[in-house]
PDB file of all heavy atoms in Angstrom:
ATOM      1  N   LEU A   1     -10.900  -5.481   2.401  1.00  0.00           N
ATOM      2  CA  LEU A   1     -12.305  -5.438   2.619  1.00  0.00           C
ATOM      3  C   LEU A   1     -12.710  -4.208   3.511  1.00  0.00           C
ATOM      4  O   LEU A   1     -13.849  -3.613   3.426  1.00  0.00           O
ATOM      5  CB  LEU A   1     -12.828  -6.667   3.334  1.00  0.00           C
ATOM      6  CG  LEU A   1     -12.734  -7.952   2.497  1.00  0.00           C
ATOM      7  CD1 LEU A   1     -13.233  -9.097   3.331  1.00  0.00           C
ATOM      8  CD2 LEU A   1     -13.527  -7.796   1.242  1.00  0.00           C
ATOM      9  N   GLN A   2     -11.795  -3.736   4.288  1.00  0.00           N
ATOM     10  CA  GLN A   2     -11.988  -2.593   5.208  1.00  0.00           C
ATOM     11  C   GLN A   2     -11.499  -1.169   4.747  1.00  0.00           C
ATOM     12  O   GLN A   2     -11.855  -0.161   5.242  1.00  0.00           O
ATOM     13  CB  GLN A   2     -11.339  -2.841   6.555  1.00  0.00           C
ATOM     14  CG  GLN A   2     -11.819  -4.171   7.233  1.00  0.00           C
ATOM     15  CD  GLN A   2     -13.263  -4.069   7.685  1.00  0.00           C
ATOM     16  OE1 GLN A   2     -13.773  -3.054   8.075  1.00  0.00           O
ATOM     17  NE2 GLN A   2     -13.901  -5.219   7.467  1.00  0.00           N
ATOM     18  N   LEU A   3     -10.823  -1.262   3.680  1.00  0.00           N
ATOM     19  CA  LEU A   3     -10.148  -0.057   3.103  1.00  0.00           C
ATOM     20  C   LEU A   3     -11.092   0.832   2.284  1.00  0.00           C
ATOM     21  O   LEU A   3     -11.723   0.400   1.416  1.00  0.00           O
ATOM     22  CB  LEU A   3      -8.991  -0.406   2.185  1.00  0.00           C
ATOM     23  CG  LEU A   3      -8.044   0.670   1.802  1.00  0.00           C
ATOM     24  CD1 LEU A   3      -7.238   1.299   3.026  1.00  0.00           C
ATOM     25  CD2 LEU A   3      -6.953   0.171   0.741  1.00  0.00           C
ATOM     26  N   PRO A   4     -11.260   2.114   2.712  1.00  0.00           N
ATOM     27  CA  PRO A   4     -12.158   3.040   1.989  1.00  0.00           C
ATOM     28  C   PRO A   4     -11.606   3.349   0.609  1.00  0.00           C
ATOM     29  O   PRO A   4     -10.361   3.860   0.522  1.00  0.00           O
ATOM     30  CB  PRO A   4     -12.261   4.272   2.876  1.00  0.00           C
ATOM     31  CG  PRO A   4     -10.999   4.230   3.753  1.00  0.00           C
ATOM     32  CD  PRO A   4     -10.709   2.801   3.938  1.00  0.00           C
ATOM     33  N   GLU A   5     -12.258   3.158  -0.354  1.00  0.00           N
ATOM     34  CA  GLU A   5     -11.710   3.299  -1.772  1.00  0.00           C
ATOM     35  C   GLU A   5     -11.254   4.732  -2.055  1.00  0.00           C
ATOM     36  O   GLU A   5     -10.229   4.949  -2.648  1.00  0.00           O
ATOM     37  CB  GLU A   5     -12.755   2.925  -2.773  1.00  0.00           C
ATOM     38  CG  GLU A   5     -12.263   2.915  -4.229  1.00  0.00           C
ATOM     39  CD  GLU A   5     -13.156   2.409  -5.197  1.00  0.00           C
ATOM     40  OE1 GLU A   5     -14.007   1.532  -4.743  1.00  0.00           O
ATOM     41  OE2 GLU A   5     -13.077   2.625  -6.378  1.00  0.00           O
ATOM     42  N   GLY A   6     -12.061   5.751  -1.655  1.00  0.00           N
ATOM     43  CA  GLY A   6     -11.769   7.147  -2.001  1.00  0.00           C
ATOM     44  C   GLY A   6     -10.471   7.647  -1.416  1.00  0.00           C
ATOM     45  O   GLY A   6      -9.739   8.292  -2.190  1.00  0.00           O
ATOM     46  N   ARG A   7     -10.141   7.310  -0.251  1.00  0.00           N
ATOM     47  CA  ARG A   7      -8.898   7.852   0.383  1.00  0.00           C
ATOM     48  C   ARG A   7      -7.824   6.748   0.547  1.00  0.00           C
ATOM     49  O   ARG A   7      -6.667   7.023   0.830  1.00  0.00           O
ATOM     50  CB  ARG A   7      -9.209   8.367   1.761  1.00  0.00           C
ATOM     51  CG  ARG A   7     -10.045   9.650   1.707  1.00  0.00           C
ATOM     52  CD  ARG A   7     -10.559  10.011   2.977  1.00  0.00           C
ATOM     53  NE  ARG A   7      -9.466  10.469   4.028  1.00  0.00           N
ATOM     54  CZ  ARG A   7      -9.748  10.873   5.239  1.00  0.00           C
ATOM     55  NH1 ARG A   7     -10.975  10.797   5.747  1.00  0.00           N
ATOM     56  NH2 ARG A   7      -8.751  11.114   6.019  1.00  0.00           N
ATOM     57  N   GLY A   8      -8.213   5.513   0.377  1.00  0.00           N
ATOM     58  CA  GLY A   8      -7.319   4.401   0.598  1.00  0.00           C
ATOM     59  C   GLY A   8      -6.205   4.235  -0.414  1.00  0.00           C
ATOM     60  O   GLY A   8      -5.077   3.919  -0.016  1.00  0.00           O
ATOM     61  N   PHE A   9      -6.595   4.418  -1.656  1.00  0.00           N
ATOM     62  CA  PHE A   9      -5.614   4.131  -2.719  1.00  0.00           C
ATOM     63  C   PHE A   9      -4.448   5.026  -2.737  1.00  0.00           C
ATOM     64  O   PHE A   9      -3.263   4.590  -2.804  1.00  0.00           O
ATOM     65  CB  PHE A   9      -6.280   4.121  -4.028  1.00  0.00           C
ATOM     66  CG  PHE A   9      -7.184   3.060  -4.268  1.00  0.00           C
ATOM     67  CD1 PHE A   9      -7.943   2.901  -5.345  1.00  0.00           C
ATOM     68  CD2 PHE A   9      -7.440   1.949  -3.263  1.00  0.00           C
ATOM     69  CE1 PHE A   9      -8.947   1.759  -5.620  1.00  0.00           C
ATOM     70  CE2 PHE A   9      -8.335   1.002  -3.464  1.00  0.00           C
ATOM     71  CZ  PHE A   9      -9.078   0.868  -4.642  1.00  0.00           C
ATOM     72  N   PRO A  10      -4.654   6.387  -2.687  1.00  0.00           N
ATOM     73  CA  PRO A  10      -3.469   7.290  -2.584  1.00  0.00           C
ATOM     74  C   PRO A  10      -2.658   7.079  -1.368  1.00  0.00           C
ATOM     75  O   PRO A  10      -1.422   7.267  -1.361  1.00  0.00           O
ATOM     76  CB  PRO A  10      -4.099   8.733  -2.618  1.00  0.00           C
ATOM     77  CG  PRO A  10      -5.424   8.479  -3.204  1.00  0.00           C
ATOM     78  CD  PRO A  10      -5.911   7.179  -2.827  1.00  0.00           C
ATOM     79  N   MET A  11      -3.326   6.750  -0.214  1.00  0.00           N
ATOM     80  CA  MET A  11      -2.625   6.456   1.053  1.00  0.00           C
ATOM     81  C   MET A  11      -1.684   5.296   0.908  1.00  0.00           C
ATOM     82  O   MET A  11      -0.552   5.365   1.380  1.00  0.00           O
ATOM     83  CB  MET A  11      -3.633   6.161   2.106  1.00  0.00           C
ATOM     84  CG  MET A  11      -3.023   5.890   3.498  1.00  0.00           C
ATOM     85  SD  MET A  11      -2.707   4.090   3.732  1.00  0.00           S
ATOM     86  CE  MET A  11      -4.330   3.569   3.897  1.00  0.00           C
ATOM     87  N   ILE A  12      -1.994   4.267   0.140  1.00  0.00           N
ATOM     88  CA  ILE A  12      -1.056   3.242  -0.003  1.00  0.00           C
ATOM     89  C   ILE A  12       0.257   3.627  -0.773  1.00  0.00           C
ATOM     90  O   ILE A  12       1.268   3.284  -0.384  1.00  0.00           O
ATOM     91  CB  ILE A  12      -1.731   2.076  -0.771  1.00  0.00           C
ATOM     92  CG1 ILE A  12      -2.843   1.464  -0.042  1.00  0.00           C
ATOM     93  CG2 ILE A  12      -0.814   0.969  -1.207  1.00  0.00           C
ATOM     94  CD1 ILE A  12      -3.673   0.458  -0.812  1.00  0.00           C
ATOM     95  N   GLY A  13       0.049   4.352  -1.857  1.00  0.00           N
ATOM     96  CA  GLY A  13       1.267   4.838  -2.518  1.00  0.00           C
ATOM     97  C   GLY A  13       2.148   5.773  -1.679  1.00  0.00           C
ATOM     98  O   GLY A  13       3.354   5.686  -1.673  1.00  0.00           O
ATOM     99  N   LEU A  14       1.426   6.714  -0.993  1.00  0.00           N
ATOM    100  CA  LEU A  14       2.171   7.512  -0.129  1.00  0.00           C
ATOM    101  C   LEU A  14       3.008   6.763   0.961  1.00  0.00           C
ATOM    102  O   LEU A  14       4.149   7.134   1.256  1.00  0.00           O
ATOM    103  CB  LEU A  14       1.134   8.537   0.653  1.00  0.00           C
ATOM    104  CG  LEU A  14       1.919   9.607   1.617  1.00  0.00           C
ATOM    105  CD1 LEU A  14       2.847  10.447   0.908  1.00  0.00           C
ATOM    106  CD2 LEU A  14       0.801  10.383   2.288  1.00  0.00           C
ATOM    107  N   ALA A  15       2.314   5.749   1.579  1.00  0.00           N
ATOM    108  CA  ALA A  15       3.005   4.909   2.624  1.00  0.00           C
ATOM    109  C   ALA A  15       4.237   4.196   2.018  1.00  0.00           C
ATOM    110  O   ALA A  15       5.193   4.051   2.692  1.00  0.00           O
ATOM    111  CB  ALA A  15       1.996   4.025   3.196  1.00  0.00           C
ATOM    112  N   VAL A  16       4.066   3.683   0.733  1.00  0.00           N
ATOM    113  CA  VAL A  16       5.145   3.027   0.165  1.00  0.00           C
ATOM    114  C   VAL A  16       6.351   3.869  -0.069  1.00  0.00           C
ATOM    115  O   VAL A  16       7.502   3.565   0.335  1.00  0.00           O
ATOM    116  CB  VAL A  16       4.803   2.283  -1.183  1.00  0.00           C
ATOM    117  CG1 VAL A  16       6.001   1.771  -1.940  1.00  0.00           C
ATOM    118  CG2 VAL A  16       3.767   1.177  -0.841  1.00  0.00           C
ATOM    119  N   GLY A  17       6.096   5.054  -0.605  1.00  0.00           N
ATOM    120  CA  GLY A  17       7.104   6.079  -0.913  1.00  0.00           C
ATOM    121  C   GLY A  17       7.807   6.586   0.418  1.00  0.00           C
ATOM    122  O   GLY A  17       8.997   6.733   0.425  1.00  0.00           O
ATOM    123  N   ALA A  18       6.993   6.945   1.438  1.00  0.00           N
ATOM    124  CA  ALA A  18       7.517   7.360   2.542  1.00  0.00           C
ATOM    125  C   ALA A  18       8.356   6.399   3.326  1.00  0.00           C
ATOM    126  O   ALA A  18       9.449   6.617   3.900  1.00  0.00           O
ATOM    127  CB  ALA A  18       6.386   7.796   3.487  1.00  0.00           C
ATOM    128  N   GLY A  19       8.046   5.100   3.175  1.00  0.00           N
ATOM    129  CA  GLY A  19       8.838   4.004   3.792  1.00  0.00           C
ATOM    130  C   GLY A  19      10.237   3.990   3.154  1.00  0.00           C
ATOM    131  O   GLY A  19      11.218   3.788   3.860  1.00  0.00           O
ATOM    132  N   CYS A  20      10.214   4.130   1.760  1.00  0.00           N
ATOM    133  CA  CYS A  20      11.543   4.054   1.091  1.00  0.00           C
ATOM    134  C   CYS A  20      12.447   5.185   1.547  1.00  0.00           C
ATOM    135  O   CYS A  20      13.633   5.085   1.700  1.00  0.00           O
ATOM    136  CB  CYS A  20      11.283   4.107  -0.381  1.00  0.00           C
ATOM    137  SG  CYS A  20      10.553   2.750  -1.096  1.00  0.00           S
ATOM    138  N   ILE A  21      11.873   6.405   1.684  1.00  0.00           N
ATOM    139  CA  ILE A  21      12.538   7.583   2.183  1.00  0.00           C
ATOM    140  C   ILE A  21      13.154   7.379   3.521  1.00  0.00           C
ATOM    141  O   ILE A  21      14.296   7.743   3.885  1.00  0.00           O
ATOM    142  CB  ILE A  21      11.751   8.792   2.043  1.00  0.00           C
ATOM    143  CG1 ILE A  21      11.467   9.189   0.483  1.00  0.00           C
ATOM    144  CG2 ILE A  21      12.477  10.065   2.660  1.00  0.00           C
ATOM    145  CD1 ILE A  21      10.379  10.306   0.400  1.00  0.00           C
ATOM    146  N   VAL A  22      12.358   6.901   4.476  1.00  0.00           N
ATOM    147  CA  VAL A  22      12.788   6.522   5.762  1.00  0.00           C
ATOM    148  C   VAL A  22      13.968   5.584   5.809  1.00  0.00           C
ATOM    149  O   VAL A  22      14.879   5.746   6.569  1.00  0.00           O
ATOM    150  CB  VAL A  22      11.614   5.965   6.598  1.00  0.00           C
ATOM    151  CG1 VAL A  22      12.107   5.408   7.925  1.00  0.00           C
ATOM    152  CG2 VAL A  22      10.480   7.057   6.903  1.00  0.00           C
ATOM    153  N   HIS A  23      13.871   4.676   4.846  1.00  0.00           N
ATOM    154  CA  HIS A  23      14.967   3.703   4.708  1.00  0.00           C
ATOM    155  C   HIS A  23      16.245   4.454   4.361  1.00  0.00           C
ATOM    156  O   HIS A  23      17.343   4.174   4.961  1.00  0.00           O
ATOM    157  CB  HIS A  23      14.707   2.702   3.649  1.00  0.00           C
ATOM    158  CG  HIS A  23      15.788   1.643   3.415  1.00  0.00           C
ATOM    159  ND1 HIS A  23      15.603   0.287   3.851  1.00  0.00           N
ATOM    160  CD2 HIS A  23      17.010   1.781   2.873  1.00  0.00           C
ATOM    161  CE1 HIS A  23      16.799  -0.284   3.532  1.00  0.00           C
ATOM    162  NE2 HIS A  23      17.526   0.501   2.930  1.00  0.00           N
ATOM    163  N   LEU A  24      16.175   5.383   3.372  1.00  0.00           N
ATOM    164  CA  LEU A  24      17.355   6.108   3.007  1.00  0.00           C
ATOM    165  C   LEU A  24      17.940   6.880   4.147  1.00  0.00           C
ATOM    166  O   LEU A  24      19.264   7.016   4.375  1.00  0.00           O
ATOM    167  CB  LEU A  24      17.049   7.062   1.821  1.00  0.00           C
ATOM    168  CG  LEU A  24      16.495   6.462   0.603  1.00  0.00           C
ATOM    169  CD1 LEU A  24      16.373   7.602  -0.546  1.00  0.00           C
ATOM    170  CD2 LEU A  24      17.454   5.346   0.095  1.00  0.00           C
ATOM    171  N   LEU A  25      17.108   7.556   4.954  1.00  0.00           N
ATOM    172  CA  LEU A  25      17.555   8.419   6.101  1.00  0.00           C
ATOM    173  C   LEU A  25      18.233   7.432   7.154  1.00  0.00           C
ATOM    174  O   LEU A  25      19.222   7.785   7.771  1.00  0.00           O
ATOM    175  CB  LEU A  25      16.401   9.126   6.697  1.00  0.00           C
ATOM    176  CG  LEU A  25      15.679  10.102   5.795  1.00  0.00           C
ATOM    177  CD1 LEU A  25      14.441  10.664   6.573  1.00  0.00           C
ATOM    178  CD2 LEU A  25      16.637  11.252   5.535  1.00  0.00           C
ATOM    179  N   GLY A  26      17.665   6.145   7.291  1.00  0.00           N
ATOM    180  CA  GLY A  26      18.279   5.279   8.213  1.00  0.00           C
ATOM    181  C   GLY A  26      19.611   4.910   7.783  1.00  0.00           C
ATOM    182  O   GLY A  26      20.624   4.761   8.634  1.00  0.00           O
ATOM    183  N   ASP A  27      19.879   4.680   6.477  1.00  0.00           N
ATOM    184  CA  ASP A  27      21.207   4.167   5.998  1.00  0.00           C
ATOM    185  C   ASP A  27      22.101   5.409   5.882  1.00  0.00           C
ATOM    186  O   ASP A  27      23.403   5.171   5.926  1.00  0.00           O
ATOM    187  CB  ASP A  27      21.026   3.623   4.604  1.00  0.00           C
ATOM    188  CG  ASP A  27      20.566   2.198   4.652  1.00  0.00           C
ATOM    189  OD1 ASP A  27      20.664   1.659   5.741  1.00  0.00           O
ATOM    190  OD2 ASP A  27      20.268   1.528   3.614  1.00  0.00           O
ATOM    191  N   ILE A  28      21.658   6.643   5.872  1.00  0.00           N
ATOM    192  CA  ILE A  28      22.518   7.767   5.845  1.00  0.00           C
ATOM    193  C   ILE A  28      23.373   7.947   7.203  1.00  0.00           C
ATOM    194  O   ILE A  28      24.427   8.423   7.152  1.00  0.00           O
ATOM    195  CB  ILE A  28      21.795   9.109   5.641  1.00  0.00           C
ATOM    196  CG1 ILE A  28      21.530   9.284   4.064  1.00  0.00           C
ATOM    197  CG2 ILE A  28      22.533  10.306   6.055  1.00  0.00           C
ATOM    198  CD1 ILE A  28      20.761  10.429   3.646  1.00  0.00           C
ATOM    199  N   ILE A  29      22.780   7.433   8.226  1.00  0.00           N
ATOM    200  CA  ILE A  29      23.432   7.616   9.575  1.00  0.00           C
ATOM    201  C   ILE A  29      24.479   6.467   9.761  1.00  0.00           C
ATOM    202  O   ILE A  29      25.069   6.462  10.856  1.00  0.00           O
ATOM    203  CB  ILE A  29      22.431   7.604  10.745  1.00  0.00           C
ATOM    204  CG1 ILE A  29      21.786   6.370  10.891  1.00  0.00           C
ATOM    205  CG2 ILE A  29      21.473   8.770  10.529  1.00  0.00           C
ATOM    206  CD1 ILE A  29      20.816   6.233  12.096  1.00  0.00           C
ATOM    207  N   THR A  30      24.598   5.567   8.759  1.00  0.00           N
ATOM    208  CA  THR A  30      25.595   4.515   8.916  1.00  0.00           C
ATOM    209  C   THR A  30      26.888   5.054   8.131  1.00  0.00           C
ATOM    210  O   THR A  30      26.878   6.010   7.386  1.00  0.00           O
ATOM    211  CB  THR A  30      25.168   3.170   8.356  1.00  0.00           C
ATOM    212  OG1 THR A  30      24.862   3.372   6.911  1.00  0.00           O
ATOM    213  CG2 THR A  30      23.877   2.828   9.003  1.00  0.00           C
ATOM    214  N   ARG A  31      28.009   4.216   8.285  1.00  0.00           N
ATOM    215  CA  ARG A  31      29.156   4.642   7.706  1.00  0.00           C
ATOM    216  C   ARG A  31      29.260   4.567   6.194  1.00  0.00           C
ATOM    217  O   ARG A  31      29.877   5.337   5.504  1.00  0.00           O
ATOM    218  CB  ARG A  31      30.356   3.803   8.288  1.00  0.00           C
ATOM    219  CG  ARG A  31      30.654   4.020   9.775  1.00  0.00           C
ATOM    220  CD  ARG A  31      31.663   3.174  10.246  1.00  0.00           C
ATOM    221  NE  ARG A  31      31.987   3.418  11.695  1.00  0.00           N
ATOM    222  CZ  ARG A  31      32.878   2.681  12.398  1.00  0.00           C
ATOM    223  NH1 ARG A  31      33.483   1.767  11.920  1.00  0.00           N
ATOM    224  NH2 ARG A  31      32.957   3.001  13.641  1.00  0.00           N
ATOM    225  N   ALA A  32      28.532   3.543   5.642  1.00  0.00           N
ATOM    226  CA  ALA A  32      28.498   3.351   4.196  1.00  0.00           C
ATOM    227  C   ALA A  32      27.783   4.408   3.490  1.00  0.00           C
ATOM    228  O   ALA A  32      28.144   4.804   2.325  1.00  0.00           O
ATOM    229  CB  ALA A  32      27.950   1.920   3.834  1.00  0.00           C
ATOM    230  N   GLY A  33      26.634   4.937   4.082  1.00  0.00           N
ATOM    231  CA  GLY A  33      25.930   5.956   3.365  1.00  0.00           C
ATOM    232  C   GLY A  33      25.150   5.536   2.205  1.00  0.00           C
ATOM    233  O   GLY A  33      25.039   4.250   1.867  1.00  0.00           O
TER     234      GLY A  33
END
């Protein structure tokens, strides 16, 4: 209800993709890789 339609939709996709990449970077610093 609060999300601005014009900028909100692309922002959601960017946030999802960025989160996945951050996950990969986090697992890279572990032994399993």
